[in-house]
Amino acid sequence: MRIYKILPQSEWRAAKALGSFEGSAADRQDGYIHFSTAAQAQETARRHFAGRDGLVVLEVESGDIAGGLRWEPSRGGDLFPHLYGSLAAADVHAVHPAPLGPDGVPQLPPLA
């Protein structure tokens, strides 16, 4: 199953240069890297990234990071994938731009 991480392109560039992503400030504060499923990602973009330009969406195969991945309840009891540990750059299958739409919400590509 593919899962997705929305973050500023600048953070991804820095992580890629280092070979791993340690999480955004909010991730580090919470103690894990927040991911969303394809069904959850657009609402995550609306709630947490509205008005923020220069974003990308990382596409990761959950099985590749299964050792540190936990599915935990969040908004409305929905289970969200959380990665306890860092994300190796090599585990990112694709990076998609997420430009702001006319409503100020990042527009995600079709996600599987």
PDB file of N, CA and C in Angstrom:
ATOM      1  N   MET A   1       0.849  -1.178   0.000  1.00  0.00           N
ATOM      2  CA  MET A   1       0.000   0.000   0.000  1.00  0.00           C
ATOM      3  C   MET A   1       0.892   1.237   0.000  1.00  0.00           C
ATOM      4  N   ARG A   2       0.542   2.200  -0.856  1.00  0.00           N
ATOM      5  CA  ARG A   2       1.286   3.450  -0.899  1.00  0.00           C
ATOM      6  C   ARG A   2       0.752   4.408   0.157  1.00  0.00           C
ATOM      7  N   ILE A   3       1.680   5.126   0.810  1.00  0.00           N
ATOM      8  CA  ILE A   3       1.335   6.177   1.765  1.00  0.00           C
ATOM      9  C   ILE A   3       2.079   7.437   1.347  1.00  0.00           C
ATOM     10  N   TYR A   4       1.639   8.590   1.882  1.00  0.00           N
ATOM     11  CA  TYR A   4       2.085   9.870   1.352  1.00  0.00           C
ATOM     12  C   TYR A   4       2.461  10.837   2.463  1.00  0.00           C
ATOM     13  N   LYS A   5       3.512  11.616   2.199  1.00  0.00           N
ATOM     14  CA  LYS A   5       3.980  12.643   3.116  1.00  0.00           C
ATOM     15  C   LYS A   5       4.028  13.969   2.369  1.00  0.00           C
ATOM     16  N   ILE A   6       3.337  14.971   2.899  1.00  0.00           N
ATOM     17  CA  ILE A   6       3.340  16.315   2.321  1.00  0.00           C
ATOM     18  C   ILE A   6       4.366  17.141   3.101  1.00  0.00           C
ATOM     19  N   LEU A   7       5.224  17.837   2.375  1.00  0.00           N
ATOM     20  CA  LEU A   7       6.235  18.661   3.023  1.00  0.00           C
ATOM     21  C   LEU A   7       6.767  19.704   2.051  1.00  0.00           C
ATOM     22  N   PRO A   8       7.425  20.739   2.583  1.00  0.00           N
ATOM     23  CA  PRO A   8       8.027  21.738   1.691  1.00  0.00           C
ATOM     24  C   PRO A   8       9.125  21.107   0.831  1.00  0.00           C
ATOM     25  N   GLN A   9       9.192  21.538  -0.410  1.00  0.00           N
ATOM     26  CA  GLN A   9      10.202  21.020  -1.324  1.00  0.00           C
ATOM     27  C   GLN A   9      11.606  21.254  -0.764  1.00  0.00           C
ATOM     28  N   SER A  10      11.817  22.372  -0.088  1.00  0.00           N
ATOM     29  CA  SER A  10      13.135  22.671   0.483  1.00  0.00           C
ATOM     30  C   SER A  10      13.536  21.626   1.534  1.00  0.00           C
ATOM     31  N   GLU A  11      12.578  21.171   2.337  1.00  0.00           N
ATOM     32  CA  GLU A  11      12.878  20.128   3.328  1.00  0.00           C
ATOM     33  C   GLU A  11      13.238  18.816   2.642  1.00  0.00           C
ATOM     34  N   TRP A  12      12.528  18.503   1.557  1.00  0.00           N
ATOM     35  CA  TRP A  12      12.828  17.272   0.841  1.00  0.00           C
ATOM     36  C   TRP A  12      14.207  17.342   0.198  1.00  0.00           C
ATOM     37  N   ARG A  13      14.558  18.482  -0.406  1.00  0.00           N
ATOM     38  CA  ARG A  13      15.887  18.628  -1.014  1.00  0.00           C
ATOM     39  C   ARG A  13      16.982  18.406   0.033  1.00  0.00           C
ATOM     40  N   ALA A  14      16.815  19.017   1.204  1.00  0.00           N
ATOM     41  CA  ALA A  14      17.807  18.864   2.278  1.00  0.00           C
ATOM     42  C   ALA A  14      17.892  17.410   2.739  1.00  0.00           C
ATOM     43  N   ALA A  15      16.739  16.758   2.893  1.00  0.00           N
ATOM     44  CA  ALA A  15      16.716  15.361   3.334  1.00  0.00           C
ATOM     45  C   ALA A  15      17.364  14.453   2.291  1.00  0.00           C
ATOM     46  N   LYS A  16      17.063  14.710   1.040  1.00  0.00           N
ATOM     47  CA  LYS A  16      17.623  13.891  -0.030  1.00  0.00           C
ATOM     48  C   LYS A  16      19.142  14.008  -0.048  1.00  0.00           C
ATOM     49  N   ALA A  17      19.662  15.220   0.171  1.00  0.00           N
ATOM     50  CA  ALA A  17      21.112  15.424   0.211  1.00  0.00           C
ATOM     51  C   ALA A  17      21.748  14.658   1.365  1.00  0.00           C
ATOM     52  N   LEU A  18      21.021  14.544   2.482  1.00  0.00           N
ATOM     53  CA  LEU A  18      21.521  13.808   3.647  1.00  0.00           C
ATOM     54  C   LEU A  18      21.291  12.297   3.541  1.00  0.00           C
ATOM     55  N   GLY A  19      20.356  11.917   2.675  1.00  0.00           N
ATOM     56  CA  GLY A  19      20.036  10.501   2.516  1.00  0.00           C
ATOM     57  C   GLY A  19      18.870  10.030   3.353  1.00  0.00           C
ATOM     58  N   SER A  20      18.323  10.923   4.218  1.00  0.00           N
ATOM     59  CA  SER A  20      17.155  10.543   5.013  1.00  0.00           C
ATOM     60  C   SER A  20      16.408  11.779   5.488  1.00  0.00           C
ATOM     61  N   PHE A  21      15.136  11.569   5.770  1.00  0.00           N
ATOM     62  CA  PHE A  21      14.260  12.617   6.286  1.00  0.00           C
ATOM     63  C   PHE A  21      13.956  12.284   7.738  1.00  0.00           C
ATOM     64  N   GLU A  22      14.274  13.218   8.615  1.00  0.00           N
ATOM     65  CA  GLU A  22      14.077  13.022  10.052  1.00  0.00           C
ATOM     66  C   GLU A  22      12.736  13.565  10.528  1.00  0.00           C
ATOM     67  N   GLY A  23      11.988  14.189   9.630  1.00  0.00           N
ATOM     68  CA  GLY A  23      10.686  14.737   9.982  1.00  0.00           C
ATOM     69  C   GLY A  23      10.693  16.246  10.016  1.00  0.00           C
ATOM     70  N   SER A  24       9.514  16.799   9.850  1.00  0.00           N
ATOM     71  CA  SER A  24       9.325  18.244   9.961  1.00  0.00           C
ATOM     72  C   SER A  24       9.335  18.621  11.440  1.00  0.00           C
ATOM     73  N   ALA A  25       9.248  19.903  11.723  1.00  0.00           N
ATOM     74  CA  ALA A  25       9.197  20.354  13.121  1.00  0.00           C
ATOM     75  C   ALA A  25       8.019  19.710  13.848  1.00  0.00           C
ATOM     76  N   ALA A  26       6.849  19.651  13.201  1.00  0.00           N
ATOM     77  CA  ALA A  26       5.663  19.041  13.827  1.00  0.00           C
ATOM     78  C   ALA A  26       5.870  17.544  14.040  1.00  0.00           C
ATOM     79  N   ASP A  27       6.508  16.879  13.074  1.00  0.00           N
ATOM     80  CA  ASP A  27       6.792  15.446  13.221  1.00  0.00           C
ATOM     81  C   ASP A  27       7.696  15.209  14.428  1.00  0.00           C
ATOM     82  N   ARG A  28       8.763  15.964  14.504  1.00  0.00           N
ATOM     83  CA  ARG A  28       9.724  15.776  15.603  1.00  0.00           C
ATOM     84  C   ARG A  28       9.064  16.058  16.956  1.00  0.00           C
ATOM     85  N   GLN A  29       8.194  17.059  16.984  1.00  0.00           N
ATOM     86  CA  GLN A  29       7.477  17.374  18.225  1.00  0.00           C
ATOM     87  C   GLN A  29       6.589  16.206  18.647  1.00  0.00           C
ATOM     88  N   ASP A  30       5.933  15.564  17.683  1.00  0.00           N
ATOM     89  CA  ASP A  30       5.031  14.450  17.981  1.00  0.00           C
ATOM     90  C   ASP A  30       5.768  13.117  18.180  1.00  0.00           C
ATOM     91  N   GLY A  31       7.009  13.040  17.725  1.00  0.00           N
ATOM     92  CA  GLY A  31       7.793  11.823  17.922  1.00  0.00           C
ATOM     93  C   GLY A  31       7.689  10.817  16.792  1.00  0.00           C
ATOM     94  N   TYR A  32       7.090  11.193  15.682  1.00  0.00           N
ATOM     95  CA  TYR A  32       6.975  10.308  14.525  1.00  0.00           C
ATOM     96  C   TYR A  32       6.712  11.139  13.276  1.00  0.00           C
ATOM     97  N   ILE A  33       6.936  10.537  12.111  1.00  0.00           N
ATOM     98  CA  ILE A  33       6.669  11.201  10.844  1.00  0.00           C
ATOM     99  C   ILE A  33       5.240  10.881  10.430  1.00  0.00           C
ATOM    100  N   HIS A  34       4.456  11.927  10.219  1.00  0.00           N
ATOM    101  CA  HIS A  34       3.061  11.789   9.811  1.00  0.00           C
ATOM    102  C   HIS A  34       2.965  11.422   8.329  1.00  0.00           C
ATOM    103  N   PHE A  35       2.192  10.413   8.034  1.00  0.00           N
ATOM    104  CA  PHE A  35       1.859  10.041   6.662  1.00  0.00           C
ATOM    105  C   PHE A  35       0.338   9.998   6.540  1.00  0.00           C
ATOM    106  N   SER A  36      -0.143   9.935   5.311  1.00  0.00           N
ATOM    107  CA  SER A  36      -1.570   9.779   5.026  1.00  0.00           C
ATOM    108  C   SER A  36      -1.732   8.711   3.955  1.00  0.00           C
ATOM    109  N   THR A  37      -2.881   8.088   3.945  1.00  0.00           N
ATOM    110  CA  THR A  37      -3.229   7.199   2.840  1.00  0.00           C
ATOM    111  C   THR A  37      -3.707   8.062   1.675  1.00  0.00           C
ATOM    112  N   ALA A  38      -3.918   7.439   0.534  1.00  0.00           N
ATOM    113  CA  ALA A  38      -4.432   8.181  -0.621  1.00  0.00           C
ATOM    114  C   ALA A  38      -5.779   8.826  -0.295  1.00  0.00           C
ATOM    115  N   ALA A  39      -6.627   8.113   0.450  1.00  0.00           N
ATOM    116  CA  ALA A  39      -7.953   8.638   0.795  1.00  0.00           C
ATOM    117  C   ALA A  39      -7.879   9.788   1.796  1.00  0.00           C
ATOM    118  N   GLN A  40      -6.813   9.877   2.573  1.00  0.00           N
ATOM    119  CA  GLN A  40      -6.677  10.896   3.620  1.00  0.00           C
ATOM    120  C   GLN A  40      -5.874  12.116   3.183  1.00  0.00           C
ATOM    121  N   ALA A  41      -5.071  11.990   2.151  1.00  0.00           N
ATOM    122  CA  ALA A  41      -4.073  13.006   1.824  1.00  0.00           C
ATOM    123  C   ALA A  41      -4.669  14.370   1.477  1.00  0.00           C
ATOM    124  N   GLN A  42      -5.736  14.430   0.703  1.00  0.00           N
ATOM    125  CA  GLN A  42      -6.278  15.739   0.316  1.00  0.00           C
ATOM    126  C   GLN A  42      -6.830  16.485   1.532  1.00  0.00           C
ATOM    127  N   GLU A  43      -7.453  15.789   2.453  1.00  0.00           N
ATOM    128  CA  GLU A  43      -7.945  16.430   3.676  1.00  0.00           C
ATOM    129  C   GLU A  43      -6.776  16.882   4.548  1.00  0.00           C
ATOM    130  N   THR A  44      -5.710  16.098   4.593  1.00  0.00           N
ATOM    131  CA  THR A  44      -4.502  16.516   5.306  1.00  0.00           C
ATOM    132  C   THR A  44      -3.962  17.797   4.686  1.00  0.00           C
ATOM    133  N   ALA A  45      -3.923  17.863   3.368  1.00  0.00           N
ATOM    134  CA  ALA A  45      -3.457  19.078   2.680  1.00  0.00           C
ATOM    135  C   ALA A  45      -4.324  20.277   3.061  1.00  0.00           C
ATOM    136  N   ARG A  46      -5.634  20.084   3.087  1.00  0.00           N
ATOM    137  CA  ARG A  46      -6.549  21.174   3.412  1.00  0.00           C
ATOM    138  C   ARG A  46      -6.378  21.641   4.850  1.00  0.00           C
ATOM    139  N   ARG A  47      -6.316  20.699   5.767  1.00  0.00           N
ATOM    140  CA  ARG A  47      -6.254  21.046   7.196  1.00  0.00           C
ATOM    141  C   ARG A  47      -4.919  21.623   7.638  1.00  0.00           C
ATOM    142  N   HIS A  48      -3.836  21.089   7.101  1.00  0.00           N
ATOM    143  CA  HIS A  48      -2.523  21.401   7.652  1.00  0.00           C
ATOM    144  C   HIS A  48      -1.599  22.190   6.734  1.00  0.00           C
ATOM    145  N   PHE A  49      -1.955  22.313   5.455  1.00  0.00           N
ATOM    146  CA  PHE A  49      -1.032  22.949   4.516  1.00  0.00           C
ATOM    147  C   PHE A  49      -1.670  24.051   3.670  1.00  0.00           C
ATOM    148  N   ALA A  50      -2.904  24.440   3.966  1.00  0.00           N
ATOM    149  CA  ALA A  50      -3.574  25.495   3.199  1.00  0.00           C
ATOM    150  C   ALA A  50      -2.739  26.770   3.248  1.00  0.00           C
ATOM    151  N   GLY A  51      -2.606  27.404   2.092  1.00  0.00           N
ATOM    152  CA  GLY A  51      -1.873  28.658   1.989  1.00  0.00           C
ATOM    153  C   GLY A  51      -0.362  28.499   1.898  1.00  0.00           C
ATOM    154  N   ARG A  52       0.123  27.274   1.981  1.00  0.00           N
ATOM    155  CA  ARG A  52       1.573  27.049   1.915  1.00  0.00           C
ATOM    156  C   ARG A  52       1.965  26.606   0.509  1.00  0.00           C
ATOM    157  N   ASP A  53       2.815  27.376  -0.089  1.00  0.00           N
ATOM    158  CA  ASP A  53       3.266  27.106  -1.452  1.00  0.00           C
ATOM    159  C   ASP A  53       4.596  26.358  -1.412  1.00  0.00           C
ATOM    160  N   GLY A  54       4.982  25.772  -2.535  1.00  0.00           N
ATOM    161  CA  GLY A  54       6.271  25.094  -2.632  1.00  0.00           C
ATOM    162  C   GLY A  54       6.293  23.728  -1.984  1.00  0.00           C
ATOM    163  N   LEU A  55       5.159  23.046  -1.991  1.00  0.00           N
ATOM    164  CA  LEU A  55       5.062  21.729  -1.354  1.00  0.00           C
ATOM    165  C   LEU A  55       5.241  20.606  -2.367  1.00  0.00           C
ATOM    166  N   VAL A  56       5.656  19.454  -1.845  1.00  0.00           N
ATOM    167  CA  VAL A  56       5.709  18.225  -2.629  1.00  0.00           C
ATOM    168  C   VAL A  56       5.044  17.119  -1.817  1.00  0.00           C
ATOM    169  N   VAL A  57       4.716  16.045  -2.514  1.00  0.00           N
ATOM    170  CA  VAL A  57       4.136  14.861  -1.884  1.00  0.00           C
ATOM    171  C   VAL A  57       5.073  13.691  -2.159  1.00  0.00           C
ATOM    172  N   LEU A  58       5.556  13.085  -1.085  1.00  0.00           N
ATOM    173  CA  LEU A  58       6.401  11.894  -1.217  1.00  0.00           C
ATOM    174  C   LEU A  58       5.510  10.663  -1.254  1.00  0.00           C
ATOM    175  N   GLU A  59       5.845   9.753  -2.127  1.00  0.00           N
ATOM    176  CA  GLU A  59       5.097   8.498  -2.269  1.00  0.00           C
ATOM    177  C   GLU A  59       5.991   7.354  -1.794  1.00  0.00           C
ATOM    178  N   VAL A  60       5.506   6.624  -0.795  1.00  0.00           N
ATOM    179  CA  VAL A  60       6.290   5.572  -0.151  1.00  0.00           C
ATOM    180  C   VAL A  60       5.469   4.292  -0.086  1.00  0.00           C
ATOM    181  N   GLU A  61       6.106   3.171  -0.338  1.00  0.00           N
ATOM    182  CA  GLU A  61       5.450   1.877  -0.190  1.00  0.00           C
ATOM    183  C   GLU A  61       5.531   1.489   1.289  1.00  0.00           C
ATOM    184  N   SER A  62       4.375   1.307   1.922  1.00  0.00           N
ATOM    185  CA  SER A  62       4.354   1.055   3.368  1.00  0.00           C
ATOM    186  C   SER A  62       5.167  -0.186   3.747  1.00  0.00           C
ATOM    187  N   GLY A  63       5.197  -1.179   2.895  1.00  0.00           N
ATOM    188  CA  GLY A  63       5.950  -2.391   3.192  1.00  0.00           C
ATOM    189  C   GLY A  63       7.448  -2.161   3.285  1.00  0.00           C
ATOM    190  N   ASP A  64       7.935  -1.120   2.619  1.00  0.00           N
ATOM    191  CA  ASP A  64       9.370  -0.813   2.648  1.00  0.00           C
ATOM    192  C   ASP A  64       9.817  -0.256   3.995  1.00  0.00           C
ATOM    193  N   ILE A  65       8.870   0.291   4.774  1.00  0.00           N
ATOM    194  CA  ILE A  65       9.216   0.915   6.058  1.00  0.00           C
ATOM    195  C   ILE A  65       8.447   0.259   7.203  1.00  0.00           C
ATOM    196  N   ALA A  66       7.990  -0.949   6.974  1.00  0.00           N
ATOM    197  CA  ALA A  66       7.094  -1.626   7.918  1.00  0.00           C
ATOM    198  C   ALA A  66       7.667  -1.752   9.325  1.00  0.00           C
ATOM    199  N   GLY A  67       8.983  -1.841   9.461  1.00  0.00           N
ATOM    200  CA  GLY A  67       9.577  -2.020  10.779  1.00  0.00           C
ATOM    201  C   GLY A  67       9.280  -0.888  11.744  1.00  0.00           C
ATOM    202  N   GLY A  68       9.173   0.329  11.244  1.00  0.00           N
ATOM    203  CA  GLY A  68       8.908   1.470  12.117  1.00  0.00           C
ATOM    204  C   GLY A  68       7.526   2.060  11.954  1.00  0.00           C
ATOM    205  N   LEU A  69       6.692   1.447  11.119  1.00  0.00           N
ATOM    206  CA  LEU A  69       5.374   2.008  10.804  1.00  0.00           C
ATOM    207  C   LEU A  69       4.305   1.485  11.751  1.00  0.00           C
ATOM    208  N   ARG A  70       3.515   2.398  12.274  1.00  0.00           N
ATOM    209  CA  ARG A  70       2.361   2.040  13.106  1.00  0.00           C
ATOM    210  C   ARG A  70       1.133   2.749  12.559  1.00  0.00           C
ATOM    211  N   TRP A  71       0.017   2.058  12.618  1.00  0.00           N
ATOM    212  CA  TRP A  71      -1.261   2.639  12.208  1.00  0.00           C
ATOM    213  C   TRP A  71      -1.999   3.036  13.481  1.00  0.00           C
ATOM    214  N   GLU A  72      -2.195   4.349  13.661  1.00  0.00           N
ATOM    215  CA  GLU A  72      -2.749   4.850  14.913  1.00  0.00           C
ATOM    216  C   GLU A  72      -3.935   5.768  14.644  1.00  0.00           C
ATOM    217  N   PRO A  73      -4.905   5.754  15.570  1.00  0.00           N
ATOM    218  CA  PRO A  73      -6.086   6.595  15.377  1.00  0.00           C
ATOM    219  C   PRO A  73      -5.749   8.077  15.483  1.00  0.00           C
ATOM    220  N   SER A  74      -6.412   8.837  14.639  1.00  0.00           N
ATOM    221  CA  SER A  74      -6.266  10.290  14.653  1.00  0.00           C
ATOM    222  C   SER A  74      -7.648  10.883  14.478  1.00  0.00           C
ATOM    223  N   ARG A  75      -7.768  11.897  13.617  1.00  0.00           N
ATOM    224  CA  ARG A  75      -9.049  12.590  13.485  1.00  0.00           C
ATOM    225  C   ARG A  75     -10.197  11.637  13.180  1.00  0.00           C
ATOM    226  N   GLY A  76     -11.241  11.745  13.960  1.00  0.00           N
ATOM    227  CA  GLY A  76     -12.426  10.934  13.742  1.00  0.00           C
ATOM    228  C   GLY A  76     -12.203   9.441  13.928  1.00  0.00           C
ATOM    229  N   GLY A  77     -11.113   9.044  14.564  1.00  0.00           N
ATOM    230  CA  GLY A  77     -10.847   7.630  14.763  1.00  0.00           C
ATOM    231  C   GLY A  77     -10.210   6.947  13.567  1.00  0.00           C
ATOM    232  N   ASP A  78      -9.984   7.685  12.478  1.00  0.00           N
ATOM    233  CA  ASP A  78      -9.329   7.139  11.294  1.00  0.00           C
ATOM    234  C   ASP A  78      -7.918   6.687  11.652  1.00  0.00           C
ATOM    235  N   LEU A  79      -7.475   5.571  11.111  1.00  0.00           N
ATOM    236  CA  LEU A  79      -6.111   5.109  11.340  1.00  0.00           C
ATOM    237  C   LEU A  79      -5.179   5.766  10.337  1.00  0.00           C
ATOM    238  N   PHE A  80      -4.136   6.411  10.871  1.00  0.00           N
ATOM    239  CA  PHE A  80      -3.131   7.070  10.038  1.00  0.00           C
ATOM    240  C   PHE A  80      -1.793   6.363  10.199  1.00  0.00           C
ATOM    241  N   PRO A  81      -1.010   6.289   9.121  1.00  0.00           N
ATOM    242  CA  PRO A  81       0.322   5.694   9.214  1.00  0.00           C
ATOM    243  C   PRO A  81       1.310   6.685   9.823  1.00  0.00           C
ATOM    244  N   HIS A  82       2.022   6.247  10.846  1.00  0.00           N
ATOM    245  CA  HIS A  82       3.035   7.046  11.517  1.00  0.00           C
ATOM    246  C   HIS A  82       4.342   6.267  11.500  1.00  0.00           C
ATOM    247  N   LEU A  83       5.407   6.918  11.075  1.00  0.00           N
ATOM    248  CA  LEU A  83       6.717   6.276  11.029  1.00  0.00           C
ATOM    249  C   LEU A  83       7.538   6.713  12.234  1.00  0.00           C
ATOM    250  N   TYR A  84       7.882   5.753  13.070  1.00  0.00           N
ATOM    251  CA  TYR A  84       8.745   5.998  14.220  1.00  0.00           C
ATOM    252  C   TYR A  84      10.173   5.718  13.775  1.00  0.00           C
ATOM    253  N   GLY A  85      10.875   6.763  13.452  1.00  0.00           N
ATOM    254  CA  GLY A  85      12.232   6.665  12.916  1.00  0.00           C
ATOM    255  C   GLY A  85      12.362   7.558  11.704  1.00  0.00           C
ATOM    256  N   SER A  86      13.481   7.480  11.065  1.00  0.00           N
ATOM    257  CA  SER A  86      13.708   8.323   9.893  1.00  0.00           C
ATOM    258  C   SER A  86      13.261   7.606   8.622  1.00  0.00           C
ATOM    259  N   LEU A  87      13.048   8.390   7.589  1.00  0.00           N
ATOM    260  CA  LEU A  87      12.659   7.870   6.279  1.00  0.00           C
ATOM    261  C   LEU A  87      13.879   7.938   5.373  1.00  0.00           C
ATOM    262  N   ALA A  88      14.352   6.797   4.926  1.00  0.00           N
ATOM    263  CA  ALA A  88      15.478   6.769   3.993  1.00  0.00           C
ATOM    264  C   ALA A  88      15.033   7.342   2.650  1.00  0.00           C
ATOM    265  N   ALA A  89      15.841   8.195   2.087  1.00  0.00           N
ATOM    266  CA  ALA A  89      15.518   8.791   0.784  1.00  0.00           C
ATOM    267  C   ALA A  89      15.300   7.707  -0.271  1.00  0.00           C
ATOM    268  N   ALA A  90      16.026   6.610  -0.152  1.00  0.00           N
ATOM    269  CA  ALA A  90      15.901   5.507  -1.106  1.00  0.00           C
ATOM    270  C   ALA A  90      14.530   4.841  -1.048  1.00  0.00           C
ATOM    271  N   ASP A  91      13.785   5.026   0.047  1.00  0.00           N
ATOM    272  CA  ASP A  91      12.454   4.424   0.181  1.00  0.00           C
ATOM    273  C   ASP A  91      11.352   5.272  -0.444  1.00  0.00           C
ATOM    274  N   VAL A  92      11.707   6.425  -0.974  1.00  0.00           N
ATOM    275  CA  VAL A  92      10.725   7.291  -1.627  1.00  0.00           C
ATOM    276  C   VAL A  92      10.636   6.882  -3.094  1.00  0.00           C
ATOM    277  N   HIS A  93       9.461   6.407  -3.495  1.00  0.00           N
ATOM    278  CA  HIS A  93       9.263   5.915  -4.863  1.00  0.00           C
ATOM    279  C   HIS A  93       9.014   7.030  -5.867  1.00  0.00           C
ATOM    280  N   ALA A  94       8.383   8.117  -5.424  1.00  0.00           N
ATOM    281  CA  ALA A  94       8.092   9.233  -6.320  1.00  0.00           C
ATOM    282  C   ALA A  94       7.906  10.496  -5.495  1.00  0.00           C
ATOM    283  N   VAL A  95       8.152  11.626  -6.143  1.00  0.00           N
ATOM    284  CA  VAL A  95       7.945  12.941  -5.544  1.00  0.00           C
ATOM    285  C   VAL A  95       7.086  13.732  -6.515  1.00  0.00           C
ATOM    286  N   HIS A  96       5.935  14.230  -6.014  1.00  0.00           N
ATOM    287  CA  HIS A  96       4.983  14.952  -6.850  1.00  0.00           C
ATOM    288  C   HIS A  96       4.853  16.397  -6.374  1.00  0.00           C
ATOM    289  N   PRO A  97       4.775  17.356  -7.288  1.00  0.00           N
ATOM    290  CA  PRO A  97       4.501  18.733  -6.868  1.00  0.00           C
ATOM    291  C   PRO A  97       3.073  18.856  -6.357  1.00  0.00           C
ATOM    292  N   ALA A  98       2.859  19.788  -5.443  1.00  0.00           N
ATOM    293  CA  ALA A  98       1.515  20.039  -4.890  1.00  0.00           C
ATOM    294  C   ALA A  98       1.266  21.545  -4.907  1.00  0.00           C
ATOM    295  N   PRO A  99       1.002  22.096  -6.094  1.00  0.00           N
ATOM    296  CA  PRO A  99       0.791  23.542  -6.198  1.00  0.00           C
ATOM    297  C   PRO A  99      -0.512  23.963  -5.535  1.00  0.00           C
ATOM    298  N   LEU A 100      -0.550  25.208  -5.128  1.00  0.00           N
ATOM    299  CA  LEU A 100      -1.780  25.725  -4.522  1.00  0.00           C
ATOM    300  C   LEU A 100      -2.865  25.870  -5.573  1.00  0.00           C
ATOM    301  N   GLY A 101      -4.060  25.457  -5.217  1.00  0.00           N
ATOM    302  CA  GLY A 101      -5.211  25.644  -6.078  1.00  0.00           C
ATOM    303  C   GLY A 101      -5.797  27.027  -5.850  1.00  0.00           C
ATOM    304  N   PRO A 102      -6.826  27.387  -6.593  1.00  0.00           N
ATOM    305  CA  PRO A 102      -7.453  28.708  -6.454  1.00  0.00           C
ATOM    306  C   PRO A 102      -8.027  28.958  -5.063  1.00  0.00           C
ATOM    307  N   ASP A 103      -8.326  27.888  -4.333  1.00  0.00           N
ATOM    308  CA  ASP A 103      -8.868  28.016  -2.971  1.00  0.00           C
ATOM    309  C   ASP A 103      -7.772  28.073  -1.904  1.00  0.00           C
ATOM    310  N   GLY A 104      -6.490  28.052  -2.347  1.00  0.00           N
ATOM    311  CA  GLY A 104      -5.381  28.117  -1.403  1.00  0.00           C
ATOM    312  C   GLY A 104      -4.993  26.783  -0.807  1.00  0.00           C
ATOM    313  N   VAL A 105      -5.614  25.714  -1.264  1.00  0.00           N
ATOM    314  CA  VAL A 105      -5.313  24.371  -0.757  1.00  0.00           C
ATOM    315  C   VAL A 105      -4.378  23.677  -1.763  1.00  0.00           C
ATOM    316  N   PRO A 106      -3.322  23.036  -1.280  1.00  0.00           N
ATOM    317  CA  PRO A 106      -2.458  22.300  -2.196  1.00  0.00           C
ATOM    318  C   PRO A 106      -3.251  21.241  -2.969  1.00  0.00           C
ATOM    319  N   GLN A 107      -3.010  21.213  -4.254  1.00  0.00           N
ATOM    320  CA  GLN A 107      -3.689  20.257  -5.121  1.00  0.00           C
ATOM    321  C   GLN A 107      -2.764  19.060  -5.345  1.00  0.00           C
ATOM    322  N   LEU A 108      -3.218  17.913  -4.898  1.00  0.00           N
ATOM    323  CA  LEU A 108      -2.418  16.705  -5.001  1.00  0.00           C
ATOM    324  C   LEU A 108      -2.702  16.001  -6.322  1.00  0.00           C
ATOM    325  N   PRO A 109      -1.705  15.268  -6.825  1.00  0.00           N
ATOM    326  CA  PRO A 109      -1.942  14.492  -8.033  1.00  0.00           C
ATOM    327  C   PRO A 109      -2.851  13.310  -7.704  1.00  0.00           C
ATOM    328  N   PRO A 110      -3.341  12.615  -8.711  1.00  0.00           N
ATOM    329  CA  PRO A 110      -4.096  11.386  -8.432  1.00  0.00           C
ATOM    330  C   PRO A 110      -3.195  10.417  -7.665  1.00  0.00           C
ATOM    331  N   LEU A 111      -3.694   9.916  -6.558  1.00  0.00           N
ATOM    332  CA  LEU A 111      -2.923   9.015  -5.708  1.00  0.00           C
ATOM    333  C   LEU A 111      -3.572   7.646  -5.711  1.00  0.00           C
ATOM    334  N   ALA A 112      -2.740   6.610  -5.759  1.00  0.00           N
ATOM    335  CA  ALA A 112      -3.267   5.238  -5.818  1.00  0.00           C
ATOM    336  C   ALA A 112      -3.495   4.676  -4.436  1.00  0.00           C
TER     337      ALA A 112
END
